[in-house]
Amino acid sequence: MTPPPEWAHLPFFQNQWPAIRDRLAQHPDWLPGPDRVFAALQATRPRDTRVVILGQDPYPTVGHANGLAFSVTPETPLPRSLRNIFKELYDDIGSAPSNGDLSGWARQGVLLLNTALSVLPGQAGVHAKWGWQELARQAVADAQAHGPLAFLLWGNHAQKTLSDLARPQDLVIATAHPSPLSARRGFFGSQPFSRINDWLAGKGRTPIDWTA
């Protein structure tokens, strides 16, 4: 569970991480496991980050989470929130990925980061107060040093965590969460994917291939 070199300078890894690592050692069945806990940071370097999508914590079902926010392993059926994300994506740009693994987004500079990077099977949110949220805020602030970012802030949790970090040069799209409980209260019809690509193109930057 070595911190990714590109992010290892963040204060989190000196201040909060040692205590979290020790607590994880007491629960060998935690998800997504040591090889995937920093998957979002391993996939997207600070200088490559163009878009930030913030989730809450990994899926608490064994075999589902792959360390990227909202993403699942390729063979996993789409969770309900991700199904709604793909529905909005299809309505927005006319296509969507072939499965729920969003690694293709991460490779293009979409930082798919949860505010808590670990969970116990069947116990969603159980590690939410361990101090993980400091990593999310520090990572986003560090990525901002390399240029403007597009923020997709879905739901109150994401908005409360990151909205104060947004600057005038950043793009902020804040809507209801894609959960079935709230998606019809402003998530559906928000067209976030085309709006981000229009914003990137306007800055002379390569749009995201959201079907990857």
N, C-alpha and C. Protein backbone atom coordinates (compact mmCIF):
# COMPACT_ATOMS: atom_id res chain seq x y z
N MET A 1 0.84 -1.20 0.00
CA MET A 1 0.00 0.00 0.00
C MET A 1 0.87 1.25 0.00
N THR A 2 1.85 1.27 -0.87
CA THR A 2 2.74 2.41 -0.99
C THR A 2 2.04 3.55 -1.70
N PRO A 3 2.08 4.77 -1.18
CA PRO A 3 1.45 5.90 -1.87
C PRO A 3 2.02 6.08 -3.27
N PRO A 4 1.19 6.37 -4.26
CA PRO A 4 1.70 6.62 -5.61
C PRO A 4 2.72 7.75 -5.61
N PRO A 5 3.86 7.58 -6.26
CA PRO A 5 4.93 8.58 -6.20
C PRO A 5 4.49 10.00 -6.55
N GLU A 6 3.60 10.13 -7.54
CA GLU A 6 3.19 11.46 -7.99
C GLU A 6 2.39 12.22 -6.92
N TRP A 7 1.84 11.48 -5.96
CA TRP A 7 0.99 12.10 -4.93
C TRP A 7 1.61 11.97 -3.54
N ALA A 8 2.74 11.32 -3.41
CA ALA A 8 3.28 10.97 -2.09
C ALA A 8 3.68 12.18 -1.25
N HIS A 9 3.82 13.34 -1.88
CA HIS A 9 4.21 14.54 -1.14
C HIS A 9 3.05 15.16 -0.36
N LEU A 10 1.83 14.70 -0.59
CA LEU A 10 0.68 15.29 0.10
C LEU A 10 0.81 15.09 1.61
N PRO A 11 0.47 16.08 2.41
CA PRO A 11 0.58 15.96 3.86
C PRO A 11 -0.21 14.78 4.43
N PHE A 12 -1.27 14.39 3.76
CA PHE A 12 -2.07 13.26 4.23
C PHE A 12 -1.20 12.04 4.51
N PHE A 13 -0.24 11.78 3.65
CA PHE A 13 0.54 10.54 3.77
C PHE A 13 1.51 10.57 4.95
N GLN A 14 1.80 11.75 5.46
CA GLN A 14 2.59 11.85 6.68
C GLN A 14 1.70 11.94 7.93
N ASN A 15 0.53 12.56 7.78
CA ASN A 15 -0.28 12.87 8.95
C ASN A 15 -1.39 11.86 9.25
N GLN A 16 -2.24 11.55 8.26
CA GLN A 16 -3.37 10.66 8.50
C GLN A 16 -3.11 9.20 8.10
N TRP A 17 -2.33 9.00 7.06
CA TRP A 17 -2.20 7.67 6.50
C TRP A 17 -1.62 6.64 7.47
N PRO A 18 -0.59 6.93 8.24
CA PRO A 18 -0.06 5.89 9.14
C PRO A 18 -1.11 5.31 10.09
N ALA A 19 -1.97 6.15 10.65
CA ALA A 19 -3.01 5.66 11.56
C ALA A 19 -4.05 4.85 10.82
N ILE A 20 -4.42 5.31 9.62
CA ILE A 20 -5.40 4.56 8.82
C ILE A 20 -4.83 3.20 8.43
N ARG A 21 -3.59 3.18 8.02
CA ARG A 21 -2.94 1.92 7.62
C ARG A 21 -2.93 0.93 8.79
N ASP A 22 -2.66 1.42 9.99
CA ASP A 22 -2.65 0.53 11.15
C ASP A 22 -4.04 -0.01 11.45
N ARG A 23 -5.05 0.81 11.27
CA ARG A 23 -6.42 0.35 11.51
C ARG A 23 -6.84 -0.67 10.46
N LEU A 24 -6.44 -0.46 9.23
CA LEU A 24 -6.77 -1.42 8.17
C LEU A 24 -6.14 -2.78 8.45
N ALA A 25 -4.97 -2.78 9.04
CA ALA A 25 -4.28 -4.04 9.33
C ALA A 25 -5.07 -4.93 10.28
N GLN A 26 -6.00 -4.33 11.02
CA GLN A 26 -6.83 -5.09 11.95
C GLN A 26 -8.05 -5.72 11.28
N HIS A 27 -8.27 -5.37 10.00
CA HIS A 27 -9.45 -5.87 9.27
C HIS A 27 -9.00 -6.41 7.90
N PRO A 28 -8.49 -7.64 7.84
CA PRO A 28 -7.92 -8.15 6.59
C PRO A 28 -8.90 -8.29 5.44
N ASP A 29 -10.21 -8.21 5.71
CA ASP A 29 -11.20 -8.39 4.65
C ASP A 29 -11.70 -7.07 4.07
N TRP A 30 -11.04 -5.95 4.36
CA TRP A 30 -11.54 -4.66 3.88
C TRP A 30 -11.45 -4.56 2.36
N LEU A 31 -12.27 -3.71 1.80
CA LEU A 31 -12.38 -3.54 0.35
C LEU A 31 -11.96 -2.11 -0.03
N PRO A 32 -11.39 -1.93 -1.24
CA PRO A 32 -11.17 -2.90 -2.31
C PRO A 32 -9.88 -3.71 -2.16
N GLY A 33 -9.18 -3.55 -1.04
CA GLY A 33 -7.97 -4.33 -0.80
C GLY A 33 -6.70 -3.54 -1.07
N PRO A 34 -5.56 -4.02 -0.58
CA PRO A 34 -4.29 -3.28 -0.67
C PRO A 34 -3.86 -2.94 -2.09
N ASP A 35 -4.15 -3.81 -3.05
CA ASP A 35 -3.67 -3.56 -4.41
C ASP A 35 -4.51 -2.53 -5.15
N ARG A 36 -5.70 -2.17 -4.61
CA ARG A 36 -6.58 -1.24 -5.31
C ARG A 36 -6.91 0.01 -4.51
N VAL A 37 -6.40 0.12 -3.29
CA VAL A 37 -6.84 1.22 -2.43
C VAL A 37 -6.50 2.59 -3.03
N PHE A 38 -5.36 2.71 -3.70
CA PHE A 38 -4.97 3.97 -4.31
C PHE A 38 -5.12 3.94 -5.83
N ALA A 39 -6.03 3.13 -6.33
CA ALA A 39 -6.18 2.96 -7.78
C ALA A 39 -6.46 4.27 -8.50
N ALA A 40 -7.28 5.13 -7.90
CA ALA A 40 -7.62 6.40 -8.56
C ALA A 40 -6.38 7.28 -8.73
N LEU A 41 -5.53 7.32 -7.72
CA LEU A 41 -4.32 8.14 -7.79
C LEU A 41 -3.26 7.49 -8.67
N GLN A 42 -3.26 6.17 -8.73
CA GLN A 42 -2.31 5.48 -9.61
C GLN A 42 -2.67 5.69 -11.08
N ALA A 43 -3.97 5.80 -11.36
CA ALA A 43 -4.42 5.91 -12.74
C ALA A 43 -4.33 7.33 -13.29
N THR A 44 -4.38 8.34 -12.42
CA THR A 44 -4.46 9.73 -12.87
C THR A 44 -3.46 10.57 -12.09
N ARG A 45 -2.46 11.09 -12.76
CA ARG A 45 -1.45 11.91 -12.10
C ARG A 45 -1.97 13.34 -11.91
N PRO A 46 -1.39 14.09 -10.96
CA PRO A 46 -1.86 15.46 -10.75
C PRO A 46 -1.82 16.31 -12.01
N ARG A 47 -0.73 16.24 -12.75
CA ARG A 47 -0.59 17.10 -13.91
C ARG A 47 -1.49 16.67 -15.07
N ASP A 48 -2.02 15.45 -15.02
CA ASP A 48 -2.91 14.97 -16.08
C ASP A 48 -4.38 15.17 -15.74
N THR A 49 -4.69 15.54 -14.51
CA THR A 49 -6.09 15.65 -14.07
C THR A 49 -6.78 16.82 -14.76
N ARG A 50 -7.92 16.53 -15.37
CA ARG A 50 -8.71 17.58 -16.03
C ARG A 50 -10.12 17.66 -15.47
N VAL A 51 -10.60 16.52 -14.97
CA VAL A 51 -11.97 16.43 -14.46
C VAL A 51 -11.91 15.72 -13.10
N VAL A 52 -12.73 16.16 -12.17
CA VAL A 52 -12.84 15.51 -10.86
C VAL A 52 -14.27 15.03 -10.66
N ILE A 53 -14.42 13.72 -10.41
CA ILE A 53 -15.72 13.16 -10.01
C ILE A 53 -15.52 12.53 -8.64
N LEU A 54 -16.28 13.02 -7.66
CA LEU A 54 -16.08 12.59 -6.28
C LEU A 54 -17.21 11.66 -5.84
N GLY A 55 -16.82 10.48 -5.34
CA GLY A 55 -17.76 9.55 -4.75
C GLY A 55 -17.61 9.52 -3.24
N GLN A 56 -18.32 8.60 -2.59
CA GLN A 56 -18.26 8.53 -1.13
C GLN A 56 -17.32 7.45 -0.63
N ASP A 57 -17.61 6.18 -0.89
CA ASP A 57 -16.70 5.11 -0.50
C ASP A 57 -16.87 3.93 -1.45
N PRO A 58 -15.97 2.95 -1.43
CA PRO A 58 -16.07 1.82 -2.36
C PRO A 58 -17.36 1.02 -2.14
N TYR A 59 -17.77 0.32 -3.18
CA TYR A 59 -18.92 -0.58 -3.05
C TYR A 59 -18.59 -1.65 -2.00
N PRO A 60 -19.52 -1.92 -1.08
CA PRO A 60 -19.22 -2.85 0.01
C PRO A 60 -19.48 -4.32 -0.30
N THR A 61 -19.69 -4.64 -1.58
CA THR A 61 -19.89 -6.02 -2.00
C THR A 61 -18.59 -6.59 -2.53
N VAL A 62 -18.18 -7.73 -2.03
CA VAL A 62 -16.92 -8.35 -2.44
C VAL A 62 -16.90 -8.57 -3.96
N GLY A 63 -15.80 -8.15 -4.60
CA GLY A 63 -15.64 -8.34 -6.04
C GLY A 63 -16.19 -7.24 -6.90
N HIS A 64 -16.85 -6.25 -6.31
CA HIS A 64 -17.45 -5.17 -7.11
C HIS A 64 -16.52 -3.98 -7.27
N ALA A 65 -16.01 -3.42 -6.19
CA ALA A 65 -15.21 -2.19 -6.25
C ALA A 65 -13.86 -2.43 -6.90
N ASN A 66 -13.42 -1.46 -7.70
CA ASN A 66 -12.07 -1.53 -8.28
C ASN A 66 -11.22 -0.33 -7.93
N GLY A 67 -11.65 0.44 -6.93
CA GLY A 67 -10.85 1.55 -6.44
C GLY A 67 -11.11 2.88 -7.11
N LEU A 68 -12.00 2.94 -8.08
CA LEU A 68 -12.35 4.19 -8.74
C LEU A 68 -13.79 4.54 -8.39
N ALA A 69 -14.05 5.80 -8.12
CA ALA A 69 -15.39 6.23 -7.72
C ALA A 69 -16.43 5.85 -8.77
N PHE A 70 -17.53 5.28 -8.33
CA PHE A 70 -18.67 4.84 -9.14
C PHE A 70 -18.35 3.66 -10.05
N SER A 71 -17.10 3.27 -10.14
CA SER A 71 -16.67 2.22 -11.07
C SER A 71 -16.75 0.84 -10.43
N VAL A 72 -16.95 -0.18 -11.26
CA VAL A 72 -16.96 -1.57 -10.79
C VAL A 72 -16.07 -2.41 -11.71
N THR A 73 -15.79 -3.62 -11.28
CA THR A 73 -15.04 -4.54 -12.13
C THR A 73 -15.86 -4.85 -13.38
N PRO A 74 -15.20 -5.17 -14.49
CA PRO A 74 -15.91 -5.33 -15.78
C PRO A 74 -17.05 -6.33 -15.75
N GLU A 75 -16.92 -7.39 -14.95
CA GLU A 75 -17.95 -8.44 -14.95
C GLU A 75 -19.11 -8.15 -14.00
N THR A 76 -19.05 -7.06 -13.26
CA THR A 76 -20.09 -6.74 -12.28
C THR A 76 -21.28 -6.05 -12.94
N PRO A 77 -22.50 -6.49 -12.67
CA PRO A 77 -23.68 -5.77 -13.18
C PRO A 77 -23.66 -4.32 -12.69
N LEU A 78 -24.20 -3.41 -13.48
CA LEU A 78 -24.16 -2.00 -13.13
C LEU A 78 -24.95 -1.73 -11.86
N PRO A 79 -24.33 -1.13 -10.84
CA PRO A 79 -25.10 -0.65 -9.69
C PRO A 79 -26.10 0.41 -10.13
N ARG A 80 -27.07 0.68 -9.30
CA ARG A 80 -28.17 1.56 -9.71
C ARG A 80 -27.69 2.98 -10.04
N SER A 81 -26.79 3.53 -9.23
CA SER A 81 -26.31 4.88 -9.53
C SER A 81 -25.53 4.92 -10.83
N LEU A 82 -24.69 3.93 -11.06
CA LEU A 82 -23.92 3.89 -12.30
C LEU A 82 -24.84 3.66 -13.50
N ARG A 83 -25.88 2.88 -13.31
CA ARG A 83 -26.85 2.69 -14.39
C ARG A 83 -27.48 4.03 -14.77
N ASN A 84 -27.77 4.86 -13.79
CA ASN A 84 -28.34 6.18 -14.08
C ASN A 84 -27.30 7.10 -14.72
N ILE A 85 -26.04 6.98 -14.30
CA ILE A 85 -24.98 7.76 -14.94
C ILE A 85 -24.89 7.40 -16.43
N PHE A 86 -24.94 6.13 -16.73
CA PHE A 86 -24.87 5.70 -18.13
C PHE A 86 -26.12 6.12 -18.90
N LYS A 87 -27.27 6.13 -18.24
CA LYS A 87 -28.49 6.60 -18.91
C LYS A 87 -28.35 8.07 -19.29
N GLU A 88 -27.88 8.88 -18.36
CA GLU A 88 -27.68 10.30 -18.66
C GLU A 88 -26.60 10.48 -19.73
N LEU A 89 -25.55 9.68 -19.66
CA LEU A 89 -24.49 9.75 -20.66
C LEU A 89 -25.03 9.43 -22.04
N TYR A 90 -25.85 8.38 -22.12
CA TYR A 90 -26.42 8.01 -23.41
C TYR A 90 -27.36 9.11 -23.93
N ASP A 91 -28.18 9.65 -23.04
CA ASP A 91 -29.08 10.73 -23.45
C ASP A 91 -28.30 11.98 -23.87
N ASP A 92 -27.14 12.18 -23.26
CA ASP A 92 -26.35 13.38 -23.51
C ASP A 92 -25.55 13.27 -24.80
N ILE A 93 -24.82 12.16 -24.98
CA ILE A 93 -23.93 12.08 -26.14
C ILE A 93 -24.25 10.92 -27.07
N GLY A 94 -25.23 10.09 -26.70
CA GLY A 94 -25.67 9.03 -27.59
C GLY A 94 -24.94 7.71 -27.47
N SER A 95 -24.08 7.56 -26.46
CA SER A 95 -23.35 6.32 -26.29
C SER A 95 -22.86 6.24 -24.86
N ALA A 96 -22.38 5.04 -24.47
CA ALA A 96 -21.87 4.81 -23.13
C ALA A 96 -20.88 3.65 -23.17
N PRO A 97 -20.04 3.50 -22.15
CA PRO A 97 -19.10 2.36 -22.13
C PRO A 97 -19.82 1.03 -22.15
N SER A 98 -19.11 -0.02 -22.51
CA SER A 98 -19.71 -1.35 -22.64
C SER A 98 -19.87 -2.06 -21.31
N ASN A 99 -19.18 -1.58 -20.27
CA ASN A 99 -19.32 -2.16 -18.93
C ASN A 99 -19.03 -1.09 -17.89
N GLY A 100 -19.11 -1.46 -16.61
CA GLY A 100 -19.01 -0.47 -15.55
C GLY A 100 -17.61 -0.13 -15.10
N ASP A 101 -16.58 -0.63 -15.77
CA ASP A 101 -15.21 -0.30 -15.42
C ASP A 101 -14.85 1.05 -16.05
N LEU A 102 -14.63 2.07 -15.23
CA LEU A 102 -14.39 3.42 -15.72
C LEU A 102 -12.89 3.75 -15.83
N SER A 103 -12.07 2.72 -15.90
CA SER A 103 -10.63 2.94 -16.01
C SER A 103 -10.27 3.77 -17.23
N GLY A 104 -11.04 3.63 -18.30
CA GLY A 104 -10.79 4.40 -19.51
C GLY A 104 -10.95 5.89 -19.28
N TRP A 105 -11.86 6.29 -18.42
CA TRP A 105 -11.99 7.70 -18.05
C TRP A 105 -10.77 8.16 -17.27
N ALA A 106 -10.36 7.33 -16.30
CA ALA A 106 -9.23 7.70 -15.45
C ALA A 106 -7.96 7.91 -16.26
N ARG A 107 -7.76 7.09 -17.26
CA ARG A 107 -6.55 7.21 -18.09
C ARG A 107 -6.54 8.50 -18.90
N GLN A 108 -7.69 9.14 -19.05
CA GLN A 108 -7.78 10.39 -19.81
C GLN A 108 -7.74 11.63 -18.91
N GLY A 109 -7.53 11.42 -17.62
CA GLY A 109 -7.44 12.58 -16.73
C GLY A 109 -8.68 12.86 -15.92
N VAL A 110 -9.56 11.88 -15.80
CA VAL A 110 -10.74 12.02 -14.93
C VAL A 110 -10.38 11.39 -13.59
N LEU A 111 -10.23 12.21 -12.57
CA LEU A 111 -9.87 11.72 -11.24
C LEU A 111 -11.14 11.22 -10.56
N LEU A 112 -11.25 9.90 -10.45
CA LEU A 112 -12.43 9.25 -9.89
C LEU A 112 -12.13 8.86 -8.44
N LEU A 113 -12.27 9.84 -7.56
CA LEU A 113 -11.79 9.68 -6.20
C LEU A 113 -12.95 9.62 -5.21
N ASN A 114 -12.92 8.66 -4.31
CA ASN A 114 -13.87 8.61 -3.21
C ASN A 114 -13.35 9.40 -2.03
N THR A 115 -14.25 9.88 -1.16
CA THR A 115 -13.79 10.58 0.04
C THR A 115 -13.30 9.61 1.10
N ALA A 116 -13.71 8.35 1.04
CA ALA A 116 -13.13 7.29 1.86
C ALA A 116 -12.69 6.19 0.92
N LEU A 117 -11.47 5.71 1.08
CA LEU A 117 -10.92 4.74 0.13
C LEU A 117 -10.99 3.30 0.62
N SER A 118 -11.69 3.08 1.71
CA SER A 118 -11.83 1.71 2.22
C SER A 118 -13.21 1.53 2.84
N VAL A 119 -13.62 0.26 2.94
CA VAL A 119 -14.92 -0.08 3.50
C VAL A 119 -14.85 -1.55 3.92
N LEU A 120 -15.73 -1.95 4.80
CA LEU A 120 -15.84 -3.36 5.16
C LEU A 120 -17.00 -3.98 4.41
N PRO A 121 -16.92 -5.27 4.09
CA PRO A 121 -18.01 -5.93 3.36
C PRO A 121 -19.35 -5.73 4.06
N GLY A 122 -20.32 -5.25 3.28
CA GLY A 122 -21.67 -5.07 3.79
C GLY A 122 -21.86 -3.92 4.75
N GLN A 123 -20.84 -3.05 4.90
CA GLN A 123 -20.93 -1.96 5.87
C GLN A 123 -20.57 -0.62 5.21
N ALA A 124 -21.41 -0.15 4.33
CA ALA A 124 -21.15 1.10 3.63
C ALA A 124 -20.93 2.24 4.62
N GLY A 125 -19.92 3.06 4.35
CA GLY A 125 -19.66 4.24 5.15
C GLY A 125 -18.95 4.00 6.46
N VAL A 126 -18.56 2.76 6.74
CA VAL A 126 -18.01 2.45 8.06
C VAL A 126 -16.66 3.12 8.32
N HIS A 127 -15.93 3.48 7.25
CA HIS A 127 -14.63 4.14 7.42
C HIS A 127 -14.69 5.63 7.07
N ALA A 128 -15.87 6.18 6.97
CA ALA A 128 -16.03 7.55 6.49
C ALA A 128 -15.41 8.59 7.43
N LYS A 129 -15.28 8.26 8.70
CA LYS A 129 -14.76 9.22 9.67
C LYS A 129 -13.33 8.91 10.10
N TRP A 130 -12.62 8.15 9.30
CA TRP A 130 -11.25 7.78 9.63
C TRP A 130 -10.23 8.85 9.25
N GLY A 131 -10.62 9.90 8.54
CA GLY A 131 -9.68 10.92 8.10
C GLY A 131 -9.33 10.87 6.63
N TRP A 132 -9.96 9.95 5.90
CA TRP A 132 -9.69 9.82 4.46
C TRP A 132 -10.00 11.11 3.69
N GLN A 133 -11.02 11.87 4.14
CA GLN A 133 -11.47 13.02 3.36
C GLN A 133 -10.37 14.05 3.15
N GLU A 134 -9.37 14.08 4.03
CA GLU A 134 -8.25 15.00 3.84
C GLU A 134 -7.50 14.70 2.55
N LEU A 135 -7.42 13.42 2.19
CA LEU A 135 -6.73 13.05 0.96
C LEU A 135 -7.46 13.60 -0.25
N ALA A 136 -8.78 13.50 -0.27
CA ALA A 136 -9.54 14.00 -1.41
C ALA A 136 -9.32 15.49 -1.60
N ARG A 137 -9.41 16.25 -0.54
CA ARG A 137 -9.24 17.70 -0.65
C ARG A 137 -7.81 18.07 -1.06
N GLN A 138 -6.84 17.41 -0.48
CA GLN A 138 -5.45 17.72 -0.82
C GLN A 138 -5.11 17.33 -2.25
N ALA A 139 -5.65 16.19 -2.69
CA ALA A 139 -5.37 15.76 -4.06
C ALA A 139 -5.95 16.73 -5.07
N VAL A 140 -7.16 17.18 -4.83
CA VAL A 140 -7.78 18.12 -5.77
C VAL A 140 -7.03 19.45 -5.77
N ALA A 141 -6.67 19.95 -4.60
CA ALA A 141 -5.92 21.21 -4.53
C ALA A 141 -4.58 21.08 -5.26
N ASP A 142 -3.95 19.92 -5.15
CA ASP A 142 -2.67 19.72 -5.83
C ASP A 142 -2.85 19.69 -7.34
N ALA A 143 -3.91 19.02 -7.80
CA ALA A 143 -4.17 18.97 -9.24
C ALA A 143 -4.48 20.36 -9.80
N GLN A 144 -5.09 21.21 -8.99
CA GLN A 144 -5.42 22.55 -9.46
C GLN A 144 -4.18 23.37 -9.79
N ALA A 145 -3.06 23.02 -9.19
CA ALA A 145 -1.82 23.76 -9.47
C ALA A 145 -1.37 23.59 -10.91
N HIS A 146 -1.92 22.60 -11.60
CA HIS A 146 -1.50 22.31 -12.97
C HIS A 146 -2.48 22.87 -14.01
N GLY A 147 -3.53 23.54 -13.58
CA GLY A 147 -4.46 24.12 -14.53
C GLY A 147 -5.89 24.03 -14.05
N PRO A 148 -6.81 24.66 -14.77
CA PRO A 148 -8.22 24.63 -14.38
C PRO A 148 -8.81 23.23 -14.47
N LEU A 149 -9.78 22.95 -13.61
CA LEU A 149 -10.42 21.64 -13.56
C LEU A 149 -11.92 21.78 -13.76
N ALA A 150 -12.52 20.70 -14.24
CA ALA A 150 -13.98 20.58 -14.28
C ALA A 150 -14.40 19.70 -13.11
N PHE A 151 -15.30 20.20 -12.29
CA PHE A 151 -15.80 19.46 -11.15
C PHE A 151 -17.20 18.93 -11.45
N LEU A 152 -17.38 17.62 -11.30
CA LEU A 152 -18.72 17.03 -11.33
C LEU A 152 -19.06 16.69 -9.88
N LEU A 153 -19.89 17.51 -9.27
CA LEU A 153 -20.24 17.34 -7.86
C LEU A 153 -21.68 16.84 -7.78
N TRP A 154 -21.80 15.54 -7.65
CA TRP A 154 -23.11 14.90 -7.63
C TRP A 154 -23.55 14.65 -6.19
N GLY A 155 -24.55 15.40 -5.75
CA GLY A 155 -25.09 15.20 -4.42
C GLY A 155 -24.46 16.10 -3.37
N ASN A 156 -25.13 16.20 -2.22
CA ASN A 156 -24.70 17.10 -1.16
C ASN A 156 -23.32 16.75 -0.62
N HIS A 157 -23.04 15.47 -0.51
CA HIS A 157 -21.75 15.06 0.06
C HIS A 157 -20.59 15.61 -0.76
N ALA A 158 -20.62 15.42 -2.06
CA ALA A 158 -19.55 15.92 -2.92
C ALA A 158 -19.48 17.43 -2.90
N GLN A 159 -20.64 18.07 -2.90
CA GLN A 159 -20.68 19.53 -2.92
C GLN A 159 -20.11 20.12 -1.64
N LYS A 160 -20.44 19.54 -0.50
CA LYS A 160 -19.91 20.04 0.77
C LYS A 160 -18.41 19.79 0.89
N THR A 161 -17.93 18.71 0.29
CA THR A 161 -16.52 18.36 0.41
C THR A 161 -15.61 19.24 -0.44
N LEU A 162 -16.05 19.57 -1.65
CA LEU A 162 -15.12 20.22 -2.59
C LEU A 162 -15.55 21.58 -3.12
N SER A 163 -16.78 21.99 -2.90
CA SER A 163 -17.26 23.21 -3.59
C SER A 163 -16.44 24.44 -3.22
N ASP A 164 -15.89 24.49 -2.01
CA ASP A 164 -15.13 25.68 -1.61
C ASP A 164 -13.75 25.74 -2.27
N LEU A 165 -13.33 24.63 -2.91
CA LEU A 165 -12.03 24.63 -3.58
C LEU A 165 -12.12 25.18 -5.01
N ALA A 166 -13.31 25.27 -5.56
CA ALA A 166 -13.45 25.71 -6.94
C ALA A 166 -13.08 27.19 -7.09
N ARG A 167 -12.38 27.48 -8.18
CA ARG A 167 -11.93 28.83 -8.49
C ARG A 167 -12.70 29.36 -9.70
N PRO A 168 -12.63 30.65 -9.98
CA PRO A 168 -13.36 31.20 -11.13
C PRO A 168 -12.98 30.53 -12.45
N GLN A 169 -11.75 30.07 -12.58
CA GLN A 169 -11.32 29.45 -13.84
C GLN A 169 -11.75 27.99 -13.97
N ASP A 170 -12.28 27.42 -12.90
CA ASP A 170 -12.75 26.04 -12.95
C ASP A 170 -14.21 25.98 -13.41
N LEU A 171 -14.59 24.83 -13.93
CA LEU A 171 -15.99 24.57 -14.27
C LEU A 171 -16.60 23.72 -13.16
N VAL A 172 -17.73 24.15 -12.62
CA VAL A 172 -18.41 23.41 -11.57
C VAL A 172 -19.81 23.03 -12.04
N ILE A 173 -20.07 21.73 -12.09
CA ILE A 173 -21.40 21.22 -12.40
C ILE A 173 -21.89 20.48 -11.16
N ALA A 174 -22.81 21.10 -10.44
CA ALA A 174 -23.32 20.55 -9.18
C ALA A 174 -24.80 20.22 -9.35
N THR A 175 -25.12 18.94 -9.19
CA THR A 175 -26.51 18.50 -9.36
C THR A 175 -26.86 17.50 -8.27
N ALA A 176 -28.08 17.00 -8.34
CA ALA A 176 -28.48 15.90 -7.48
C ALA A 176 -27.61 14.68 -7.77
N HIS A 177 -27.58 13.77 -6.81
CA HIS A 177 -26.83 12.52 -6.95
C HIS A 177 -27.53 11.60 -7.95
N PRO A 178 -26.79 10.77 -8.69
CA PRO A 178 -27.42 9.84 -9.63
C PRO A 178 -28.15 8.66 -8.98
N SER A 179 -28.19 8.61 -7.68
CA SER A 179 -28.95 7.55 -6.99
C SER A 179 -30.40 7.56 -7.45
N PRO A 180 -31.04 6.38 -7.50
CA PRO A 180 -32.47 6.33 -7.85
C PRO A 180 -33.34 7.20 -6.95
N LEU A 181 -32.88 7.49 -5.75
CA LEU A 181 -33.66 8.30 -4.82
C LEU A 181 -33.66 9.78 -5.18
N SER A 182 -32.68 10.21 -5.98
CA SER A 182 -32.56 11.65 -6.24
C SER A 182 -32.31 12.02 -7.68
N ALA A 183 -32.05 11.06 -8.56
CA ALA A 183 -31.61 11.37 -9.93
C ALA A 183 -32.60 12.24 -10.68
N ARG A 184 -33.88 12.11 -10.38
CA ARG A 184 -34.90 12.89 -11.10
C ARG A 184 -35.06 14.30 -10.55
N ARG A 185 -34.25 14.64 -9.55
CA ARG A 185 -34.33 15.98 -8.98
C ARG A 185 -33.19 16.87 -9.48
N GLY A 186 -32.78 16.65 -10.71
CA GLY A 186 -31.79 17.53 -11.32
C GLY A 186 -30.59 16.85 -11.95
N PHE A 187 -30.40 15.55 -11.67
CA PHE A 187 -29.30 14.86 -12.34
C PHE A 187 -29.66 14.57 -13.77
N PHE A 188 -30.81 13.92 -13.99
CA PHE A 188 -31.23 13.63 -15.36
C PHE A 188 -31.47 14.95 -16.10
N GLY A 189 -30.92 15.03 -17.29
CA GLY A 189 -31.08 16.23 -18.10
C GLY A 189 -30.02 17.29 -17.89
N SER A 190 -29.05 17.02 -17.01
CA SER A 190 -28.03 18.03 -16.72
C SER A 190 -26.93 18.08 -17.78
N GLN A 191 -26.83 17.07 -18.62
CA GLN A 191 -25.87 17.02 -19.73
C GLN A 191 -24.43 17.35 -19.30
N PRO A 192 -23.96 16.74 -18.24
CA PRO A 192 -22.62 17.11 -17.74
C PRO A 192 -21.49 16.73 -18.67
N PHE A 193 -21.65 15.64 -19.40
CA PHE A 193 -20.54 15.13 -20.20
C PHE A 193 -20.27 16.00 -21.42
N SER A 194 -21.31 16.40 -22.11
CA SER A 194 -21.11 17.29 -23.25
C SER A 194 -20.68 18.68 -22.79
N ARG A 195 -21.18 19.12 -21.64
CA ARG A 195 -20.79 20.44 -21.11
C ARG A 195 -19.30 20.47 -20.78
N ILE A 196 -18.81 19.40 -20.20
CA ILE A 196 -17.38 19.33 -19.90
C ILE A 196 -16.56 19.33 -21.18
N ASN A 197 -16.98 18.55 -22.16
CA ASN A 197 -16.21 18.51 -23.41
C ASN A 197 -16.24 19.84 -24.14
N ASP A 198 -17.36 20.54 -24.09
CA ASP A 198 -17.42 21.88 -24.70
C ASP A 198 -16.46 22.83 -23.98
N TRP A 199 -16.41 22.72 -22.67
CA TRP A 199 -15.52 23.58 -21.87
C TRP A 199 -14.06 23.27 -22.19
N LEU A 200 -13.72 21.98 -22.26
CA LEU A 200 -12.35 21.60 -22.60
C LEU A 200 -11.97 22.09 -23.99
N ALA A 201 -12.87 21.88 -24.94
CA ALA A 201 -12.58 22.32 -26.31
C ALA A 201 -12.39 23.83 -26.37
N GLY A 202 -13.17 24.56 -25.59
CA GLY A 202 -13.04 26.01 -25.56
C GLY A 202 -11.70 26.48 -25.03
N LYS A 203 -11.04 25.63 -24.29
CA LYS A 203 -9.71 25.94 -23.77
C LYS A 203 -8.60 25.30 -24.61
N GLY A 204 -8.97 24.74 -25.75
CA GLY A 204 -7.99 24.13 -26.63
C GLY A 204 -7.46 22.80 -26.12
N ARG A 205 -8.23 22.14 -25.26
CA ARG A 205 -7.81 20.87 -24.67
C ARG A 205 -8.63 19.73 -25.27
N THR A 206 -8.09 18.54 -25.25
CA THR A 206 -8.73 17.39 -25.86
C THR A 206 -9.96 16.97 -25.04
N PRO A 207 -11.11 16.80 -25.66
CA PRO A 207 -12.29 16.34 -24.95
C PRO A 207 -12.10 14.91 -24.42
N ILE A 208 -12.93 14.53 -23.48
CA ILE A 208 -12.91 13.19 -22.92
C ILE A 208 -13.72 12.26 -23.82
N ASP A 209 -13.19 11.08 -24.10
CA ASP A 209 -13.96 10.04 -24.77
C ASP A 209 -14.73 9.29 -23.68
N TRP A 210 -15.96 9.68 -23.46
CA TRP A 210 -16.75 9.10 -22.37
C TRP A 210 -17.21 7.69 -22.67
N THR A 211 -17.00 7.19 -23.88
CA THR A 211 -17.38 5.83 -24.21
C THR A 211 -16.25 4.83 -23.94
N ALA A 212 -15.07 5.34 -23.59
CA ALA A 212 -13.89 4.48 -23.42
C ALA A 212 -14.04 3.60 -22.18
